Amino acid sequence: MALSAREKADRVFGPGPVPVCWLNFPSPEIAEVAAESGFPAAVIDLEHTAISLESAQRMMMAMKGTGMRPMVRLPEVSTGLTKRVLDIGAVGIVLPYVESVEEVKKTIEDMTYGPRGKRGLASYVNRASRYGADPAGAVKRADEENILIVMIESRAGVALAPELAAIEGVDALFFGPSDYSFEAGRIDMGSQEMLDAYAAIEKAARGAGKMMGTAPFGTMTPPRLAELGCDFFAATADVVTLRNGFTGAVNAVREAAAKR
């Protein structure tokens, strides 16, 4: 019997909620630091960064032996990229800016081995199978544990949320507040429409027995999201953490010097 979305996430990441570290730098070292800091999950972002497949694989290698499991955000629906990121070790796909049922079903087909899907079999050589050391185990893990997170980042996506949540193979809906805000006319991140969009997506996800995720926005900080029972949320990003650390260190020195 197939695992529910929540059961699958618990097996892969441990009991929720799941704080996610968003990785934007093509750096195995930064990925390793994040992994050693205790994050259970990472999203390696191929949509808005210069990260290559080779860099993504090395980042995944840096997580090996830690509790962090890698997912990948694709730049678009892509059969080739979907198969390749799973073959190099991703446990899940994050699909951006979804506005149609067809693109989700296509991605599920690309993620799934036959006879239900059309994912090519390379478990005798790929990294997901420990380079052929565990081909049967790799197929079993893919069948039972691969996760698909669908990002909703527009009004059209919100309207489609119940249909998206109902698709077998979708594990979570994820609200993308930044793109939603701009698509809706650059509305304020703390506006009621933003909260209503989040609530509509969450209702659709819960109604279909799926999980809910988001990036922080307005008053919806990571601690607040945890309190509300959000299943997945971007707790930080490597760029944000580095920038805040650097500026905090410089500003502390400048403030101290100004008191002389």
Foldseek 3Di string as FASTA:
>chain_A
DADALQRLCCVQQNHDQAAEAEEADLDLVLLLVVQVVPHQEYEDEPQPHPHDLVSLLSNQVSNPPGNYAYEYEDNAQDLVVLLSNVLSGHQEYEYPADQDPVSVVLSLQSLADPPVHDPDQDLCAGVLVVGRPRSVVSNVCSVHHRAYEYEHQAPSSLVCLLVNLQDPRHAEYEYEQVSHCVNVPVDAQQDPVVVVSQVSNCCSNVVNSHAYEYEDTDVRAVVNCVVVPHRYYHNYYSVVVVVCVVVVVVVVVVVVVVVD
